[in-house]
Amino acid sequence: AAARALEVSALRDATLEQLAQAYADEDQVEYRRARHVIRENQRTLDFADAAAVRDWAKAGRLMFESHASLRDDFEVSCPELDLLVELAAARVDRGQVWGSRMTGGGFGGCTVSLVRAEAIDELSRYLTDEYRRATGRSPAVFATRPAQGAHILPIQ
């Protein structure tokens, strides 16, 4: 609906300026959803650029911004996900975490955090203990390593 209102084929082709001109009421749900999509598209590009030069601090800030937008503009987060992101954010100053955000479809599920490898064990214990203390439930915490994204594989 927002793309139609902005007369673009997809929100990836829209700018925040176009959005502001088309919607007088910034509290309108459609405006906030479109603002999330437009900003998230740019954050994704900026994250890729930051990762390419290993600017993990910038990449992490973008992850936190993404989560805030998913929570506030797109409204697909939940208190448990917000708590996990807040707990991760509390470890930025300790040099353990660069960023964190919800991932998946929203309304529960998972967070993904950009973490120093040497901090994984301590951070996992911290997240588990603090989440359990706040919710009475134990989260599943697991570490992964980034890998090449989607790409074409030749058929042999």
N, C-alpha and C. Protein backbone atom coordinates (compact mmCIF):
# COMPACT_ATOMS: atom_id res chain seq x y z
N ALA A 1 0.83 -1.19 0.00
CA ALA A 1 0.00 0.00 0.00
C ALA A 1 0.88 1.26 0.00
N ALA A 2 1.95 1.22 0.80
CA ALA A 2 2.84 2.38 0.84
C ALA A 2 3.55 2.57 -0.50
N ALA A 3 3.98 1.48 -1.11
CA ALA A 3 4.64 1.59 -2.42
C ALA A 3 3.69 2.21 -3.44
N ARG A 4 2.43 1.79 -3.41
CA ARG A 4 1.44 2.39 -4.32
C ARG A 4 1.29 3.88 -4.02
N ALA A 5 1.20 4.22 -2.74
CA ALA A 5 1.04 5.63 -2.36
C ALA A 5 2.24 6.46 -2.82
N LEU A 6 3.42 5.84 -2.83
CA LEU A 6 4.63 6.55 -3.24
C LEU A 6 4.90 6.43 -4.73
N GLU A 7 4.06 5.65 -5.41
CA GLU A 7 4.18 5.43 -6.85
C GLU A 7 5.53 4.83 -7.24
N VAL A 8 5.93 3.81 -6.47
CA VAL A 8 7.13 3.04 -6.79
C VAL A 8 6.73 1.57 -6.84
N SER A 9 7.51 0.77 -7.58
CA SER A 9 7.15 -0.64 -7.69
C SER A 9 7.42 -1.41 -6.41
N ALA A 10 8.39 -0.95 -5.63
CA ALA A 10 8.73 -1.60 -4.35
C ALA A 10 9.35 -0.55 -3.45
N LEU A 11 9.26 -0.77 -2.15
CA LEU A 11 9.80 0.22 -1.21
C LEU A 11 11.31 0.37 -1.32
N ARG A 12 11.99 -0.60 -1.90
CA ARG A 12 13.44 -0.45 -2.10
C ARG A 12 13.75 0.73 -3.04
N ASP A 13 12.74 1.15 -3.81
CA ASP A 13 12.91 2.26 -4.74
C ASP A 13 12.47 3.59 -4.15
N ALA A 14 12.05 3.58 -2.89
CA ALA A 14 11.54 4.80 -2.26
C ALA A 14 12.59 5.41 -1.35
N THR A 15 12.43 6.69 -1.09
CA THR A 15 13.31 7.39 -0.15
C THR A 15 12.49 7.85 1.05
N LEU A 16 13.19 8.15 2.11
CA LEU A 16 12.51 8.68 3.30
C LEU A 16 11.86 10.03 3.00
N GLU A 17 12.47 10.80 2.11
CA GLU A 17 11.89 12.09 1.73
C GLU A 17 10.54 11.89 1.03
N GLN A 18 10.47 10.92 0.12
CA GLN A 18 9.20 10.63 -0.55
C GLN A 18 8.16 10.20 0.47
N LEU A 19 8.57 9.39 1.40
CA LEU A 19 7.66 8.89 2.43
C LEU A 19 7.12 10.04 3.25
N ALA A 20 7.98 10.95 3.68
CA ALA A 20 7.56 12.09 4.50
C ALA A 20 6.59 12.99 3.73
N GLN A 21 6.80 13.13 2.44
CA GLN A 21 5.90 13.95 1.63
C GLN A 21 4.53 13.30 1.45
N ALA A 22 4.51 11.99 1.39
CA ALA A 22 3.26 11.28 1.11
C ALA A 22 2.39 11.10 2.36
N TYR A 23 3.02 11.13 3.54
CA TYR A 23 2.28 10.85 4.77
C TYR A 23 2.43 12.02 5.72
N ALA A 24 1.34 12.69 5.99
CA ALA A 24 1.37 13.81 6.92
C ALA A 24 1.46 13.33 8.37
N ASP A 25 0.92 12.15 8.64
CA ASP A 25 0.87 11.62 10.01
C ASP A 25 1.94 10.55 10.19
N GLU A 26 3.03 10.91 10.87
CA GLU A 26 4.13 9.96 11.07
C GLU A 26 3.78 8.86 12.06
N ASP A 27 2.68 8.99 12.77
CA ASP A 27 2.26 7.94 13.69
C ASP A 27 1.43 6.87 12.99
N GLN A 28 1.04 7.12 11.77
CA GLN A 28 0.22 6.18 11.02
C GLN A 28 0.98 4.86 10.85
N VAL A 29 0.29 3.75 11.04
CA VAL A 29 0.92 2.43 10.97
C VAL A 29 1.60 2.21 9.62
N GLU A 30 0.91 2.52 8.55
CA GLU A 30 1.48 2.30 7.22
C GLU A 30 2.78 3.10 7.04
N TYR A 31 2.81 4.31 7.54
CA TYR A 31 4.02 5.14 7.47
C TYR A 31 5.17 4.46 8.22
N ARG A 32 4.91 4.02 9.45
CA ARG A 32 5.97 3.41 10.26
C ARG A 32 6.47 2.12 9.64
N ARG A 33 5.56 1.30 9.09
CA ARG A 33 5.99 0.06 8.44
C ARG A 33 6.89 0.36 7.25
N ALA A 34 6.48 1.32 6.43
CA ALA A 34 7.27 1.68 5.26
C ALA A 34 8.61 2.29 5.67
N ARG A 35 8.60 3.11 6.71
CA ARG A 35 9.85 3.69 7.20
C ARG A 35 10.82 2.59 7.62
N HIS A 36 10.31 1.57 8.31
CA HIS A 36 11.18 0.45 8.68
C HIS A 36 11.79 -0.20 7.45
N VAL A 37 10.98 -0.49 6.46
CA VAL A 37 11.48 -1.18 5.27
C VAL A 37 12.53 -0.33 4.54
N ILE A 38 12.26 0.93 4.36
CA ILE A 38 13.21 1.80 3.66
C ILE A 38 14.53 1.90 4.43
N ARG A 39 14.43 2.12 5.72
CA ARG A 39 15.65 2.21 6.54
C ARG A 39 16.37 0.86 6.63
N GLU A 40 15.62 -0.21 6.73
CA GLU A 40 16.23 -1.54 6.84
C GLU A 40 16.99 -1.90 5.57
N ASN A 41 16.43 -1.52 4.42
CA ASN A 41 17.15 -1.75 3.17
C ASN A 41 18.51 -1.06 3.20
N GLN A 42 18.52 0.19 3.65
CA GLN A 42 19.79 0.92 3.71
C GLN A 42 20.71 0.34 4.78
N ARG A 43 20.16 -0.04 5.92
CA ARG A 43 20.99 -0.66 6.96
C ARG A 43 21.65 -1.94 6.45
N THR A 44 20.93 -2.71 5.66
CA THR A 44 21.48 -3.95 5.12
C THR A 44 22.67 -3.65 4.21
N LEU A 45 22.53 -2.68 3.36
CA LEU A 45 23.65 -2.28 2.49
C LEU A 45 24.82 -1.75 3.31
N ASP A 46 24.51 -0.93 4.31
CA ASP A 46 25.56 -0.37 5.16
C ASP A 46 26.25 -1.47 5.97
N PHE A 47 25.48 -2.46 6.43
CA PHE A 47 26.06 -3.58 7.17
C PHE A 47 27.03 -4.34 6.27
N ALA A 48 26.63 -4.61 5.04
CA ALA A 48 27.51 -5.34 4.12
C ALA A 48 28.80 -4.56 3.90
N ASP A 49 28.70 -3.24 3.75
CA ASP A 49 29.90 -2.42 3.58
C ASP A 49 30.78 -2.47 4.83
N ALA A 50 30.17 -2.38 6.00
CA ALA A 50 30.93 -2.42 7.25
C ALA A 50 31.61 -3.77 7.42
N ALA A 51 30.90 -4.83 7.12
CA ALA A 51 31.48 -6.17 7.25
C ALA A 51 32.64 -6.37 6.28
N ALA A 52 32.51 -5.80 5.10
CA ALA A 52 33.57 -5.96 4.09
C ALA A 52 34.89 -5.37 4.56
N VAL A 53 34.82 -4.32 5.38
CA VAL A 53 36.05 -3.70 5.89
C VAL A 53 36.28 -4.03 7.36
N ARG A 54 35.51 -4.99 7.86
CA ARG A 54 35.63 -5.47 9.24
C ARG A 54 35.43 -4.37 10.28
N ASP A 55 34.51 -3.47 9.98
CA ASP A 55 34.14 -2.42 10.93
C ASP A 55 33.00 -2.97 11.79
N TRP A 56 33.36 -3.81 12.76
CA TRP A 56 32.37 -4.51 13.55
C TRP A 56 31.59 -3.58 14.45
N ALA A 57 32.20 -2.49 14.89
CA ALA A 57 31.46 -1.54 15.73
C ALA A 57 30.30 -0.93 14.94
N LYS A 58 30.55 -0.54 13.70
CA LYS A 58 29.47 0.01 12.88
C LYS A 58 28.43 -1.07 12.57
N ALA A 59 28.88 -2.25 12.21
CA ALA A 59 27.96 -3.35 11.92
C ALA A 59 27.06 -3.61 13.14
N GLY A 60 27.65 -3.61 14.32
CA GLY A 60 26.88 -3.84 15.54
C GLY A 60 25.87 -2.75 15.80
N ARG A 61 26.26 -1.50 15.62
CA ARG A 61 25.31 -0.39 15.80
C ARG A 61 24.11 -0.56 14.86
N LEU A 62 24.39 -0.99 13.64
CA LEU A 62 23.31 -1.19 12.68
C LEU A 62 22.38 -2.32 13.12
N MET A 63 22.94 -3.34 13.75
CA MET A 63 22.10 -4.43 14.27
C MET A 63 21.18 -3.91 15.37
N PHE A 64 21.72 -3.13 16.29
CA PHE A 64 20.88 -2.56 17.36
C PHE A 64 19.80 -1.64 16.78
N GLU A 65 20.16 -0.84 15.78
CA GLU A 65 19.18 0.04 15.13
C GLU A 65 18.09 -0.79 14.45
N SER A 66 18.49 -1.87 13.83
CA SER A 66 17.54 -2.75 13.17
C SER A 66 16.54 -3.31 14.17
N HIS A 67 17.05 -3.77 15.31
CA HIS A 67 16.14 -4.32 16.31
C HIS A 67 15.17 -3.25 16.81
N ALA A 68 15.67 -2.07 17.08
CA ALA A 68 14.79 -1.00 17.56
C ALA A 68 13.69 -0.70 16.54
N SER A 69 14.05 -0.71 15.28
CA SER A 69 13.07 -0.46 14.22
C SER A 69 12.06 -1.60 14.12
N LEU A 70 12.53 -2.84 14.23
CA LEU A 70 11.62 -3.98 14.22
C LEU A 70 10.66 -3.91 15.40
N ARG A 71 11.17 -3.47 16.54
CA ARG A 71 10.36 -3.35 17.76
C ARG A 71 9.37 -2.20 17.66
N ASP A 72 9.84 -1.03 17.24
CA ASP A 72 9.03 0.19 17.33
C ASP A 72 8.22 0.49 16.07
N ASP A 73 8.83 0.37 14.90
CA ASP A 73 8.14 0.71 13.66
C ASP A 73 7.37 -0.48 13.08
N PHE A 74 7.98 -1.65 13.08
CA PHE A 74 7.33 -2.81 12.49
C PHE A 74 6.53 -3.60 13.51
N GLU A 75 6.83 -3.40 14.78
CA GLU A 75 6.10 -3.99 15.91
C GLU A 75 6.00 -5.52 15.82
N VAL A 76 7.16 -6.17 15.58
CA VAL A 76 7.17 -7.64 15.50
C VAL A 76 8.06 -8.27 16.57
N SER A 77 8.51 -7.49 17.52
CA SER A 77 9.32 -8.04 18.59
C SER A 77 8.41 -8.44 19.74
N CYS A 78 9.02 -8.87 20.83
CA CYS A 78 8.27 -9.22 22.03
C CYS A 78 9.20 -8.96 23.21
N PRO A 79 8.68 -8.92 24.43
CA PRO A 79 9.52 -8.59 25.59
C PRO A 79 10.72 -9.53 25.75
N GLU A 80 10.57 -10.80 25.44
CA GLU A 80 11.67 -11.74 25.61
C GLU A 80 12.82 -11.44 24.64
N LEU A 81 12.48 -11.12 23.39
CA LEU A 81 13.52 -10.76 22.43
C LEU A 81 14.18 -9.44 22.81
N ASP A 82 13.36 -8.49 23.22
CA ASP A 82 13.90 -7.19 23.64
C ASP A 82 14.86 -7.38 24.81
N LEU A 83 14.52 -8.25 25.73
CA LEU A 83 15.38 -8.52 26.88
C LEU A 83 16.72 -9.08 26.42
N LEU A 84 16.70 -10.05 25.52
CA LEU A 84 17.97 -10.63 25.04
C LEU A 84 18.85 -9.58 24.36
N VAL A 85 18.24 -8.71 23.57
CA VAL A 85 19.01 -7.65 22.90
C VAL A 85 19.56 -6.68 23.95
N GLU A 86 18.75 -6.33 24.95
CA GLU A 86 19.21 -5.43 26.01
C GLU A 86 20.36 -6.06 26.80
N LEU A 87 20.25 -7.35 27.09
CA LEU A 87 21.32 -8.03 27.81
C LEU A 87 22.61 -8.03 26.98
N ALA A 88 22.49 -8.28 25.70
CA ALA A 88 23.67 -8.24 24.83
C ALA A 88 24.25 -6.83 24.79
N ALA A 89 23.39 -5.83 24.70
CA ALA A 89 23.85 -4.43 24.66
C ALA A 89 24.63 -4.06 25.91
N ALA A 90 24.26 -4.66 27.03
CA ALA A 90 24.96 -4.37 28.29
C ALA A 90 26.39 -4.87 28.27
N ARG A 91 26.75 -5.68 27.29
CA ARG A 91 28.11 -6.21 27.20
C ARG A 91 28.95 -5.55 26.11
N VAL A 92 28.41 -4.53 25.47
CA VAL A 92 29.19 -3.80 24.45
C VAL A 92 30.39 -3.13 25.09
N ASP A 93 30.17 -2.44 26.20
CA ASP A 93 31.27 -1.72 26.86
C ASP A 93 32.35 -2.65 27.39
N ARG A 94 32.02 -3.91 27.60
CA ARG A 94 33.01 -4.90 28.04
C ARG A 94 33.80 -5.47 26.87
N GLY A 95 33.43 -5.06 25.65
CA GLY A 95 34.13 -5.55 24.48
C GLY A 95 33.77 -6.97 24.07
N GLN A 96 32.63 -7.45 24.56
CA GLN A 96 32.21 -8.81 24.22
C GLN A 96 31.27 -8.86 23.03
N VAL A 97 30.44 -7.84 22.89
CA VAL A 97 29.38 -7.83 21.88
C VAL A 97 29.50 -6.55 21.05
N TRP A 98 29.26 -6.69 19.76
CA TRP A 98 29.18 -5.50 18.89
C TRP A 98 27.73 -5.14 18.59
N GLY A 99 26.87 -6.14 18.43
CA GLY A 99 25.48 -5.86 18.07
C GLY A 99 24.60 -7.06 18.29
N SER A 100 23.28 -6.80 18.28
CA SER A 100 22.31 -7.87 18.46
C SER A 100 20.98 -7.40 17.91
N ARG A 101 20.20 -8.35 17.41
CA ARG A 101 18.86 -8.04 16.90
C ARG A 101 18.04 -9.31 16.85
N MET A 102 16.73 -9.14 16.80
CA MET A 102 15.88 -10.31 16.58
C MET A 102 16.12 -10.82 15.17
N THR A 103 15.83 -12.07 14.96
CA THR A 103 15.94 -12.64 13.62
C THR A 103 14.79 -13.61 13.42
N GLY A 104 14.45 -13.85 12.20
CA GLY A 104 13.32 -14.73 11.90
C GLY A 104 12.07 -13.92 11.69
N GLY A 105 10.94 -14.55 11.90
CA GLY A 105 9.66 -13.93 11.58
C GLY A 105 9.12 -12.97 12.62
N GLY A 106 9.71 -12.94 13.78
CA GLY A 106 9.23 -12.03 14.81
C GLY A 106 8.24 -12.69 15.75
N PHE A 107 7.76 -11.92 16.70
CA PHE A 107 6.79 -12.36 17.70
C PHE A 107 7.31 -13.54 18.51
N GLY A 108 8.59 -13.53 18.79
CA GLY A 108 9.22 -14.62 19.53
C GLY A 108 10.31 -15.23 18.65
N GLY A 109 11.03 -16.15 19.17
CA GLY A 109 12.04 -16.81 18.36
C GLY A 109 13.44 -16.55 18.82
N CYS A 110 14.23 -15.93 17.98
CA CYS A 110 15.68 -15.86 18.20
C CYS A 110 16.22 -14.44 18.06
N THR A 111 17.37 -14.27 18.67
CA THR A 111 18.18 -13.10 18.38
C THR A 111 19.48 -13.61 17.78
N VAL A 112 20.13 -12.76 17.04
CA VAL A 112 21.46 -13.04 16.52
C VAL A 112 22.35 -11.91 17.01
N SER A 113 23.52 -12.28 17.51
CA SER A 113 24.42 -11.27 18.07
C SER A 113 25.79 -11.42 17.43
N LEU A 114 26.43 -10.30 17.22
CA LEU A 114 27.80 -10.26 16.71
C LEU A 114 28.71 -10.16 17.92
N VAL A 115 29.49 -11.23 18.16
CA VAL A 115 30.21 -11.42 19.42
C VAL A 115 31.67 -11.76 19.14
N ARG A 116 32.55 -11.28 20.00
CA ARG A 116 33.95 -11.71 19.93
C ARG A 116 34.03 -13.19 20.26
N ALA A 117 34.78 -13.93 19.48
CA ALA A 117 34.87 -15.38 19.66
C ALA A 117 35.33 -15.75 21.07
N GLU A 118 36.29 -15.02 21.61
CA GLU A 118 36.82 -15.36 22.93
C GLU A 118 35.83 -15.05 24.06
N ALA A 119 34.74 -14.35 23.76
CA ALA A 119 33.75 -14.00 24.78
C ALA A 119 32.54 -14.93 24.78
N ILE A 120 32.51 -15.88 23.88
CA ILE A 120 31.30 -16.71 23.71
C ILE A 120 30.90 -17.43 24.99
N ASP A 121 31.83 -18.10 25.64
CA ASP A 121 31.47 -18.87 26.83
C ASP A 121 30.95 -17.98 27.96
N GLU A 122 31.66 -16.91 28.26
CA GLU A 122 31.22 -16.01 29.33
C GLU A 122 29.89 -15.35 28.98
N LEU A 123 29.76 -14.91 27.75
CA LEU A 123 28.52 -14.26 27.33
C LEU A 123 27.35 -15.24 27.37
N SER A 124 27.56 -16.45 26.95
CA SER A 124 26.50 -17.47 26.98
C SER A 124 26.01 -17.69 28.41
N ARG A 125 26.95 -17.79 29.35
CA ARG A 125 26.55 -17.96 30.75
C ARG A 125 25.76 -16.74 31.24
N TYR A 126 26.26 -15.56 30.92
CA TYR A 126 25.59 -14.32 31.34
C TYR A 126 24.16 -14.26 30.77
N LEU A 127 24.02 -14.48 29.47
CA LEU A 127 22.69 -14.42 28.85
C LEU A 127 21.75 -15.45 29.47
N THR A 128 22.25 -16.66 29.65
CA THR A 128 21.42 -17.72 30.23
C THR A 128 20.99 -17.36 31.64
N ASP A 129 21.93 -16.94 32.47
CA ASP A 129 21.62 -16.62 33.87
C ASP A 129 20.66 -15.44 33.98
N GLU A 130 20.93 -14.37 33.25
CA GLU A 130 20.09 -13.17 33.36
C GLU A 130 18.71 -13.39 32.74
N TYR A 131 18.64 -14.10 31.64
CA TYR A 131 17.35 -14.39 31.03
C TYR A 131 16.51 -15.27 31.96
N ARG A 132 17.14 -16.28 32.55
CA ARG A 132 16.43 -17.17 33.48
C ARG A 132 15.95 -16.37 34.69
N ARG A 133 16.80 -15.49 35.19
CA ARG A 133 16.44 -14.67 36.36
C ARG A 133 15.22 -13.79 36.04
N ALA A 134 15.17 -13.25 34.83
CA ALA A 134 14.09 -12.34 34.47
C ALA A 134 12.80 -13.05 34.04
N THR A 135 12.93 -14.23 33.46
CA THR A 135 11.74 -14.87 32.88
C THR A 135 11.35 -16.19 33.54
N GLY A 136 12.28 -16.80 34.27
CA GLY A 136 12.03 -18.11 34.83
C GLY A 136 12.23 -19.23 33.83
N ARG A 137 12.69 -18.90 32.64
CA ARG A 137 12.92 -19.90 31.59
C ARG A 137 14.38 -19.86 31.16
N SER A 138 14.87 -20.98 30.68
CA SER A 138 16.25 -21.06 30.19
C SER A 138 16.28 -20.97 28.67
N PRO A 139 17.06 -20.06 28.14
CA PRO A 139 17.15 -19.96 26.68
C PRO A 139 18.12 -21.00 26.12
N ALA A 140 17.98 -21.29 24.86
CA ALA A 140 18.98 -22.10 24.16
C ALA A 140 19.96 -21.11 23.53
N VAL A 141 21.22 -21.23 23.88
CA VAL A 141 22.26 -20.35 23.34
C VAL A 141 23.24 -21.21 22.57
N PHE A 142 23.51 -20.83 21.34
CA PHE A 142 24.49 -21.58 20.57
C PHE A 142 25.30 -20.64 19.70
N ALA A 143 26.54 -21.03 19.49
CA ALA A 143 27.47 -20.21 18.70
C ALA A 143 27.57 -20.78 17.30
N THR A 144 27.64 -19.89 16.34
CA THR A 144 27.86 -20.27 14.95
C THR A 144 28.94 -19.36 14.39
N ARG A 145 29.43 -19.73 13.25
CA ARG A 145 30.39 -18.89 12.55
C ARG A 145 29.77 -18.45 11.24
N PRO A 146 30.02 -17.22 10.83
CA PRO A 146 29.47 -16.77 9.55
C PRO A 146 30.03 -17.61 8.40
N ALA A 147 29.23 -17.79 7.40
CA ALA A 147 29.65 -18.53 6.21
C ALA A 147 29.17 -17.77 4.98
N GLN A 148 29.61 -18.21 3.84
CA GLN A 148 29.20 -17.57 2.60
C GLN A 148 27.68 -17.63 2.49
N GLY A 149 27.08 -16.56 2.05
CA GLY A 149 25.64 -16.51 1.89
C GLY A 149 25.18 -17.32 0.70
N ALA A 150 23.94 -17.09 0.32
CA ALA A 150 23.36 -17.81 -0.81
C ALA A 150 24.20 -17.57 -2.05
N HIS A 151 24.47 -18.62 -2.76
CA HIS A 151 25.24 -18.50 -4.00
C HIS A 151 24.95 -19.71 -4.90
N ILE A 152 25.34 -19.60 -6.13
CA ILE A 152 25.11 -20.67 -7.10
C ILE A 152 26.15 -21.76 -6.91
N LEU A 153 25.66 -22.99 -6.82
CA LEU A 153 26.55 -24.15 -6.75
C LEU A 153 26.45 -24.90 -8.08
N PRO A 154 27.57 -25.18 -8.69
CA PRO A 154 27.50 -25.93 -9.95
C PRO A 154 27.09 -27.38 -9.69
N ILE A 155 26.28 -27.91 -10.58
CA ILE A 155 25.85 -29.30 -10.49
C ILE A 155 26.90 -30.15 -11.18
N GLN A 156 27.38 -31.15 -10.50
CA GLN A 156 28.43 -32.02 -11.05
C GLN A 156 27.82 -33.11 -11.90
